[in-house]
N, C-alpha and C. Protein backbone atom coordinates (compact mmCIF):
# COMPACT_ATOMS: atom_id res chain seq x y z
N MET A 1 4.89 161.44 128.69
CA MET A 1 6.29 161.64 128.94
C MET A 1 6.59 161.35 130.45
N TYR A 2 7.79 160.82 130.63
CA TYR A 2 8.21 160.39 132.00
C TYR A 2 8.46 161.52 132.92
N ASN A 3 7.83 161.54 134.05
CA ASN A 3 8.13 162.59 135.08
C ASN A 3 8.26 161.79 136.36
N PRO A 4 9.50 161.73 136.93
CA PRO A 4 9.81 160.98 138.17
C PRO A 4 8.87 161.52 139.40
N LEU A 5 8.47 162.78 139.32
CA LEU A 5 7.81 163.23 140.59
C LEU A 5 6.30 162.66 140.56
N GLU A 6 5.96 162.07 139.45
CA GLU A 6 4.62 161.39 139.41
C GLU A 6 4.67 160.09 140.10
N LEU A 7 5.76 159.46 140.36
CA LEU A 7 5.86 158.11 140.80
C LEU A 7 5.57 158.04 142.40
N GLY A 8 5.61 159.17 142.99
CA GLY A 8 5.20 159.12 144.46
C GLY A 8 6.37 159.48 145.34
N SER A 9 6.19 159.33 146.60
CA SER A 9 7.18 159.81 147.52
C SER A 9 8.38 158.91 147.59
N ASP A 10 8.50 157.76 146.98
CA ASP A 10 9.76 156.87 146.98
C ASP A 10 10.91 157.54 146.29
N LEU A 11 10.71 158.48 145.63
CA LEU A 11 11.85 159.19 144.92
C LEU A 11 12.25 160.51 145.59
N ARG A 12 12.00 160.59 146.97
CA ARG A 12 12.43 161.73 147.62
C ARG A 12 13.90 161.79 147.76
N HIS A 13 14.55 162.84 148.12
CA HIS A 13 16.00 162.92 148.28
C HIS A 13 16.32 162.12 149.52
N GLY A 14 17.38 161.24 149.35
CA GLY A 14 17.80 160.45 150.45
C GLY A 14 17.18 159.06 150.57
N ALA A 15 16.34 158.75 149.63
CA ALA A 15 15.65 157.40 149.56
C ALA A 15 16.73 156.38 149.56
N ALA A 16 16.39 155.16 150.28
CA ALA A 16 17.47 154.14 150.37
C ALA A 16 17.91 153.49 149.05
N ASP A 17 17.05 153.56 148.01
CA ASP A 17 17.24 152.91 146.77
C ASP A 17 17.73 153.93 145.75
N ASP A 18 18.01 155.18 146.18
CA ASP A 18 18.56 156.18 145.22
C ASP A 18 19.86 155.56 144.52
N LEU A 19 20.05 156.02 143.33
CA LEU A 19 21.23 155.72 142.57
C LEU A 19 22.10 156.94 142.76
N LEU A 20 23.31 156.82 143.28
CA LEU A 20 24.22 157.96 143.48
C LEU A 20 25.41 157.98 142.48
N THR A 21 25.91 159.19 142.13
CA THR A 21 27.04 159.30 141.32
C THR A 21 28.24 159.11 142.27
N ALA A 22 29.51 159.01 141.57
CA ALA A 22 30.78 158.92 142.41
C ALA A 22 30.94 160.20 143.29
N ASP A 23 30.53 161.37 142.70
CA ASP A 23 30.72 162.56 143.42
C ASP A 23 29.82 162.55 144.58
N GLU A 24 28.68 162.08 144.52
CA GLU A 24 27.66 162.05 145.68
C GLU A 24 28.14 161.06 146.79
N VAL A 25 28.71 159.90 146.29
CA VAL A 25 29.26 158.99 147.31
C VAL A 25 30.45 159.51 148.00
N ALA A 26 31.27 160.28 147.15
CA ALA A 26 32.46 160.98 147.75
C ALA A 26 32.02 161.99 148.85
N ASP A 27 31.06 162.73 148.56
CA ASP A 27 30.45 163.75 149.56
C ASP A 27 29.93 162.90 150.75
N LEU A 28 29.22 161.83 150.53
CA LEU A 28 28.65 161.08 151.67
C LEU A 28 29.78 160.54 152.60
N LEU A 29 30.84 160.06 151.93
CA LEU A 29 32.04 159.49 152.70
C LEU A 29 33.09 160.41 153.17
N ARG A 30 32.95 161.66 152.70
CA ARG A 30 34.00 162.78 152.95
C ARG A 30 35.27 162.30 152.38
N MET A 31 35.24 161.79 151.17
CA MET A 31 36.45 161.45 150.38
C MET A 31 36.46 162.16 149.11
N THR A 32 37.48 161.94 148.25
CA THR A 32 37.51 162.53 146.93
C THR A 32 36.77 161.54 145.89
N SER A 33 36.35 162.08 144.83
CA SER A 33 35.76 161.17 143.79
C SER A 33 36.78 160.30 143.20
N ALA A 34 38.05 160.71 143.17
CA ALA A 34 39.10 159.95 142.69
C ALA A 34 39.34 158.69 143.62
N TRP A 35 39.14 158.88 144.85
CA TRP A 35 39.22 157.76 145.79
C TRP A 35 38.12 156.71 145.48
N VAL A 36 36.85 157.28 145.31
CA VAL A 36 35.68 156.48 145.11
C VAL A 36 35.96 155.73 143.76
N TYR A 37 36.40 156.25 142.73
CA TYR A 37 36.64 155.56 141.44
C TYR A 37 37.72 154.55 141.61
N ALA A 38 38.75 154.80 142.40
CA ALA A 38 39.86 153.74 142.56
C ALA A 38 39.35 152.62 143.37
N GLN A 39 38.49 152.81 144.37
CA GLN A 39 37.87 151.66 145.13
C GLN A 39 36.88 150.96 144.23
N THR A 40 36.22 151.65 143.23
CA THR A 40 35.24 150.96 142.32
C THR A 40 36.06 150.05 141.49
N ARG A 41 37.20 150.53 140.92
CA ARG A 41 38.03 149.72 139.93
C ARG A 41 38.54 148.52 140.70
N ARG A 42 38.83 148.58 141.83
CA ARG A 42 39.27 147.45 142.54
C ARG A 42 38.16 146.60 143.23
N ASN A 43 36.89 146.90 142.91
CA ASN A 43 35.75 146.08 143.36
C ASN A 43 35.65 146.07 144.95
N ARG A 44 36.11 147.13 145.58
CA ARG A 44 36.11 147.29 147.11
C ARG A 44 34.90 148.02 147.54
N ILE A 45 34.07 148.67 146.64
CA ILE A 45 32.93 149.33 147.05
C ILE A 45 31.77 148.84 146.18
N PRO A 46 30.60 148.66 146.74
CA PRO A 46 29.44 148.12 145.97
C PRO A 46 29.10 149.17 144.83
N HIS A 47 28.91 148.63 143.70
CA HIS A 47 28.59 149.60 142.53
C HIS A 47 27.87 148.70 141.33
N MET A 48 27.42 149.53 140.43
CA MET A 48 26.89 148.85 139.28
C MET A 48 27.35 149.67 138.09
N ARG A 49 27.50 149.07 136.93
CA ARG A 49 27.99 149.68 135.65
C ARG A 49 26.76 149.80 134.83
N LEU A 50 26.51 151.02 134.34
CA LEU A 50 25.51 151.38 133.39
C LEU A 50 26.14 151.95 132.12
N GLY A 51 26.47 151.11 131.17
CA GLY A 51 27.25 151.58 130.03
C GLY A 51 28.55 151.89 130.49
N ARG A 52 28.99 153.25 130.29
CA ARG A 52 30.33 153.69 130.63
C ARG A 52 30.32 154.37 132.03
N TYR A 53 29.11 154.36 132.61
CA TYR A 53 28.98 155.10 133.97
C TYR A 53 28.87 154.10 135.09
N PHE A 54 29.38 154.47 136.29
CA PHE A 54 29.15 153.81 137.49
C PHE A 54 28.05 154.46 138.42
N ARG A 55 27.34 153.71 138.97
CA ARG A 55 26.24 154.18 139.92
C ARG A 55 26.38 153.31 141.14
N TYR A 56 25.98 153.99 142.25
CA TYR A 56 26.03 153.36 143.57
C TYR A 56 24.64 153.36 144.29
N ARG A 57 24.08 152.30 144.71
CA ARG A 57 22.88 152.33 145.43
C ARG A 57 23.11 152.85 146.77
N ARG A 58 22.39 153.74 147.28
CA ARG A 58 22.59 154.34 148.57
C ARG A 58 22.49 153.25 149.73
N SER A 59 21.51 152.38 149.61
CA SER A 59 21.31 151.43 150.58
C SER A 59 22.57 150.36 150.66
N ALA A 60 23.20 150.11 149.51
CA ALA A 60 24.32 149.26 149.46
C ALA A 60 25.52 149.92 150.01
N ILE A 61 25.70 151.28 149.85
CA ILE A 61 26.78 152.05 150.45
C ILE A 61 26.65 152.04 151.90
N GLU A 62 25.52 152.32 152.37
CA GLU A 62 25.23 152.42 153.77
C GLU A 62 25.51 151.05 154.46
N ALA A 63 25.05 149.91 153.85
CA ALA A 63 25.36 148.52 154.33
C ALA A 63 26.92 148.29 154.30
N TRP A 64 27.53 148.74 153.35
CA TRP A 64 29.05 148.52 153.14
C TRP A 64 29.67 149.23 154.27
N ILE A 65 29.29 150.45 154.57
CA ILE A 65 29.93 151.19 155.69
C ILE A 65 29.73 150.56 156.96
N CYS A 66 28.58 149.97 157.23
CA CYS A 66 28.32 149.22 158.46
C CYS A 66 29.20 147.96 158.44
N GLN A 67 29.38 147.27 157.38
CA GLN A 67 30.13 146.13 157.28
C GLN A 67 31.62 146.45 157.62
N ILE A 68 32.27 147.50 157.12
CA ILE A 68 33.55 147.74 157.36
C ILE A 68 33.94 148.50 158.60
N GLU A 69 32.86 148.94 159.32
CA GLU A 69 33.02 149.66 160.53
C GLU A 69 33.67 148.73 161.58
N THR A 70 34.68 149.24 162.36
CA THR A 70 35.23 148.51 163.36
C THR A 70 35.42 149.29 164.64
N GLU A 71 35.55 148.51 165.79
CA GLU A 71 35.83 149.25 167.01
C GLU A 71 37.15 149.85 167.05
N PRO A 72 37.31 151.00 167.76
CA PRO A 72 38.71 151.61 167.76
C PRO A 72 39.70 150.61 168.32
N GLY A 73 40.89 150.51 167.67
CA GLY A 73 41.92 149.63 168.13
C GLY A 73 41.69 148.11 167.66
N SER A 74 40.66 147.87 167.09
CA SER A 74 40.40 146.44 166.75
C SER A 74 40.97 146.24 165.37
N THR A 75 41.72 145.05 165.24
CA THR A 75 42.28 144.66 163.98
C THR A 75 41.66 143.38 163.48
N ARG A 76 40.96 142.61 164.33
CA ARG A 76 40.44 141.41 163.86
C ARG A 76 38.96 141.31 164.42
N PRO A 77 38.16 140.41 163.83
CA PRO A 77 36.83 140.19 164.25
C PRO A 77 36.89 139.51 165.58
N PRO A 78 35.91 139.72 166.46
CA PRO A 78 35.98 139.10 167.84
C PRO A 78 35.97 137.66 167.70
N LYS A 79 36.63 136.94 168.75
CA LYS A 79 36.64 135.52 168.71
C LYS A 79 35.25 134.96 169.17
N SER A 80 34.88 133.82 168.57
CA SER A 80 33.60 133.23 169.00
C SER A 80 33.70 132.68 170.39
N THR A 81 32.60 132.84 171.11
CA THR A 81 32.55 132.40 172.51
C THR A 81 31.82 131.02 172.70
N THR A 82 31.38 130.47 171.56
CA THR A 82 30.79 129.12 171.71
C THR A 82 31.84 128.05 171.48
N ARG A 83 31.71 126.96 172.26
CA ARG A 83 32.68 125.95 172.19
C ARG A 83 32.04 124.76 171.45
N THR A 84 32.83 124.13 170.76
CA THR A 84 32.46 122.81 170.02
C THR A 84 33.11 121.61 170.49
């Protein structure tokens, strides 16, 4: 019989490749689960579909957060300093 605890320490709470539910992602982002589902339907948040369920890889959510993070007051990416 399958027992995930026998697989080793890779399945500890908070592991980078954990699959999260929308409620868990909402808790992580301090948003509502309705917001997470709305972003999922618009393909604005990384997700996978497993049958009728959505799941979110923790590492993909963390990378997405880093990608959308901006400096305060910044509305555009910085201009390139290299000249061609």
